[in-house]
Amino acid sequence: MNKQEMSHILDKKARFDAVGEAISKNIMTGREKIILDCFFDIDGIYHEYIVLNWDRESGGFEAANAECNSLTADVRQLSEMLNGGYYGQCDTYSRYKEGSSKLTLPEEWK
């Protein structure tokens, strides 16, 4: 992944996370945190998932694959997830997350 691609993804993540924060804090969704999780799995393969976390104590969450989506497609998927449980991809997400590394810009690119 080059600098331009990574910068674009991190910008999209920041924008989506801002939408998620606004929804989770201002609309009665029952979700504590809504994020676009961008990461490399243990094999170095890149993934993007929309993740809705319930309260910290239960550890419950919903996850949906968002790879190659635009920001508007991610928001559309989020709205569908808010209107009903979406659990079909949670096990896959959890498997990819195990041993994963966060997507960040290398210092020399900043």
Protein backbone atom coordinates (compact mmCIF):
# COMPACT_ATOMS: atom_id res chain seq x y z
CA MET A 1 0.00 0.00 0.00
CA ASN A 2 1.48 3.35 -0.96
CA LYS A 3 1.34 6.66 0.92
CA GLN A 4 -1.55 8.09 -1.12
CA GLU A 5 -3.71 4.97 -0.68
CA MET A 6 -3.01 4.81 3.05
CA SER A 7 -3.72 8.54 3.50
CA HIS A 8 -7.02 8.14 1.64
CA ILE A 9 -8.06 5.20 3.84
CA LEU A 10 -7.08 6.98 7.06
CA ASP A 11 -9.05 10.06 5.95
CA LYS A 12 -12.10 7.89 5.19
CA LYS A 13 -11.73 6.18 8.58
CA ALA A 14 -11.59 9.55 10.39
CA ARG A 15 -14.71 10.76 8.57
CA PHE A 16 -16.63 7.54 9.23
CA ASP A 17 -15.57 7.49 12.89
CA ALA A 18 -16.88 11.07 13.26
CA VAL A 19 -20.25 9.96 11.85
CA GLY A 20 -20.21 6.94 14.18
CA GLU A 21 -19.44 9.10 17.20
CA ALA A 22 -22.23 11.53 16.34
CA ILE A 23 -24.72 8.69 16.00
CA SER A 24 -23.67 6.80 19.12
CA LYS A 25 -23.69 9.95 21.28
CA ASN A 26 -26.82 11.67 19.91
CA ILE A 27 -29.19 8.93 18.81
CA MET A 28 -30.55 6.23 21.09
CA THR A 29 -28.87 3.31 19.35
CA GLY A 30 -27.69 1.26 22.32
CA ARG A 31 -24.23 1.19 20.77
CA GLU A 32 -21.32 2.59 22.76
CA LYS A 33 -18.91 2.92 19.86
CA ILE A 34 -19.23 2.85 16.07
CA ILE A 35 -15.99 2.72 14.04
CA LEU A 36 -14.44 1.76 10.75
CA ASP A 37 -11.74 -0.70 11.80
CA CYS A 38 -8.83 -0.73 9.32
CA PHE A 39 -6.08 -3.28 9.98
CA PHE A 40 -3.68 -5.87 8.61
CA ASP A 41 -4.34 -9.43 9.75
CA ILE A 42 -1.55 -11.65 11.05
CA ASP A 43 -0.71 -12.64 7.45
CA GLY A 44 -0.39 -8.98 6.40
CA ILE A 45 -3.68 -8.88 4.47
CA TYR A 46 -5.57 -5.59 4.69
CA HIS A 47 -9.18 -5.51 6.00
CA GLU A 48 -11.86 -2.89 6.69
CA TYR A 49 -14.86 -3.61 8.89
CA ILE A 50 -17.69 -1.48 10.19
CA VAL A 51 -17.90 -2.33 13.89
CA LEU A 52 -20.69 -1.45 16.31
CA ASN A 53 -19.72 -2.14 19.92
CA TRP A 54 -22.30 -2.57 22.65
CA ASP A 55 -21.43 -1.65 26.22
CA ARG A 56 -17.94 -2.58 27.48
CA GLU A 57 -19.21 -5.04 30.06
CA SER A 58 -21.00 -7.36 27.63
CA GLY A 59 -18.35 -7.16 24.91
CA GLY A 60 -21.08 -7.57 22.30
CA PHE A 61 -20.56 -6.23 18.79
CA GLU A 62 -21.71 -6.33 15.20
CA ALA A 63 -19.25 -6.34 12.29
CA ALA A 64 -19.64 -6.01 8.52
CA ASN A 65 -16.97 -6.20 5.84
CA ALA A 66 -16.41 -2.77 4.26
CA GLU A 67 -13.42 -3.41 2.00
CA CYS A 68 -13.44 -1.36 -1.23
CA ASN A 69 -16.48 0.63 -0.08
CA SER A 70 -16.86 4.36 -0.46
CA LEU A 71 -17.68 6.45 2.60
CA THR A 72 -21.32 6.72 1.48
CA ALA A 73 -21.55 2.94 1.03
CA ASP A 74 -20.16 2.49 4.55
CA VAL A 75 -22.77 4.89 5.98
CA ARG A 76 -25.53 3.06 4.09
CA GLN A 77 -24.30 -0.26 5.53
CA LEU A 78 -24.18 1.30 9.00
CA SER A 79 -27.80 2.41 8.75
CA GLU A 80 -28.83 -1.16 7.88
CA MET A 81 -26.86 -2.47 10.86
CA LEU A 82 -28.57 0.02 13.20
CA ASN A 83 -32.00 -1.23 12.16
CA GLY A 84 -31.39 -4.83 13.10
CA GLY A 85 -28.73 -7.19 14.33
CA TYR A 86 -25.99 -8.01 11.86
CA TYR A 87 -23.93 -10.89 13.20
CA GLY A 88 -23.11 -13.04 10.16
CA GLN A 89 -19.53 -11.75 9.84
CA CYS A 90 -18.57 -11.41 13.53
CA ASP A 91 -16.65 -14.70 13.68
CA THR A 92 -14.67 -13.85 10.53
CA TYR A 93 -13.87 -10.38 11.88
CA SER A 94 -12.71 -11.82 15.21
CA ARG A 95 -10.50 -14.35 13.43
CA TYR A 96 -8.86 -11.63 11.29
CA LYS A 97 -8.40 -9.32 14.30
CA GLU A 98 -6.47 -11.91 16.31
CA GLY A 99 -2.81 -10.90 16.08
CA SER A 100 -3.59 -8.02 13.71
CA SER A 101 -1.78 -4.71 13.44
CA LYS A 102 -3.33 -1.26 13.22
CA LEU A 103 -3.12 0.74 10.00
CA THR A 104 -0.92 3.79 10.59
CA LEU A 105 1.23 6.04 8.44
CA PRO A 106 4.95 5.34 8.86
CA GLU A 107 6.83 8.21 10.50
CA GLU A 108 8.81 8.92 7.33
CA TRP A 109 5.54 9.55 5.43
CA LYS A 110 4.24 12.16 7.87
